[in-house]
Protein backbone atom coordinates (compact mmCIF):
# COMPACT_ATOMS: atom_id res chain seq x y z
CA CYS A 1 0.00 0.00 0.00
CA ARG A 2 1.02 3.60 -0.33
CA THR A 3 -0.15 4.55 3.14
CA LEU A 4 -0.28 2.06 5.96
CA GLU A 5 -3.12 3.91 7.67
CA LYS A 6 -5.48 3.49 4.71
CA ALA A 7 -4.44 -0.13 4.30
CA LYS A 8 -5.25 -0.87 7.93
CA GLU A 9 -8.69 0.71 7.47
CA THR A 10 -9.30 -1.42 4.39
CA ARG A 11 -8.08 -4.52 6.23
CA GLU A 12 -10.60 -3.91 9.02
CA LYS A 13 -13.38 -3.38 6.48
CA ILE A 14 -12.56 -6.65 4.71
CA LEU A 15 -12.42 -8.54 8.00
CA SER A 16 -15.73 -7.11 9.21
CA GLU A 17 -17.45 -7.98 5.92
CA THR A 18 -16.16 -11.55 5.85
CA LYS A 19 -16.76 -12.59 9.46
CA SER A 20 -20.02 -14.29 8.55
CA SER A 21 -18.22 -16.61 6.14
CA GLY A 22 -16.60 -18.50 9.02
CA LYS A 23 -13.16 -18.33 7.44
CA SER A 24 -10.18 -17.07 9.36
CA LEU A 25 -8.27 -14.52 7.30
CA LYS A 26 -4.77 -13.31 7.90
CA LEU A 27 -4.37 -10.00 6.11
CA VAL A 28 -1.05 -8.22 6.49
CA PRO A 29 -0.91 -4.69 5.08
CA MET A 30 2.56 -3.61 4.05
CA GLU A 31 3.82 -0.33 2.64
CA LEU A 32 5.48 -0.35 -0.78
CA ASP A 33 6.49 2.49 -3.10
CA LEU A 34 6.60 0.96 -6.59
CA SER A 35 8.30 4.05 -8.00
CA SER A 36 11.45 3.29 -5.99
CA LEU A 37 13.65 0.32 -6.91
CA LYS A 38 15.45 0.65 -3.58
CA ASN A 39 12.13 0.42 -1.73
CA LEU A 40 11.09 -2.54 -3.87
CA LYS A 41 14.30 -4.43 -3.04
CA ILE A 42 13.87 -3.77 0.70
CA PHE A 43 10.25 -4.89 0.52
CA THR A 44 11.22 -8.08 -1.33
CA GLN A 45 13.89 -8.93 1.24
CA LEU A 46 11.42 -8.36 4.06
CA ILE A 47 8.86 -10.66 2.45
CA LYS A 48 11.46 -13.38 1.97
CA GLN A 49 12.54 -13.12 5.63
CA LYS A 50 9.02 -13.17 7.08
CA TYR A 51 7.20 -15.64 4.81
CA ASN A 52 7.97 -18.80 2.93
CA LYS A 53 4.98 -18.33 0.60
CA ILE A 54 2.28 -15.84 -0.31
CA ASP A 55 -1.19 -17.23 -0.97
CA VAL A 56 -2.70 -14.01 -2.31
CA LEU A 57 -1.15 -10.65 -3.13
CA ILE A 58 -3.47 -7.71 -3.72
CA ASN A 59 -2.19 -4.69 -5.61
CA ASN A 60 -4.66 -1.88 -6.13
CA ALA A 61 -3.79 1.56 -7.44
CA GLY A 62 -7.32 2.91 -7.09
CA LYS A 63 -9.32 4.22 -4.16
CA ILE A 64 -11.53 2.00 -2.07
């Protein structure tokens, strides 16, 4: 996400709307500036350190 604050709000909205489905979701918002190669490399290293796989990756450039 561009701003972690907005991503956290969206995360909460998704979780509140899916509670009735009975599924347990683990949504981890992370900040990433795609216009910066340096930032992209740092982000990639962080992902590799924290996770051994990603089930779903959501990239959205629009407003929610």
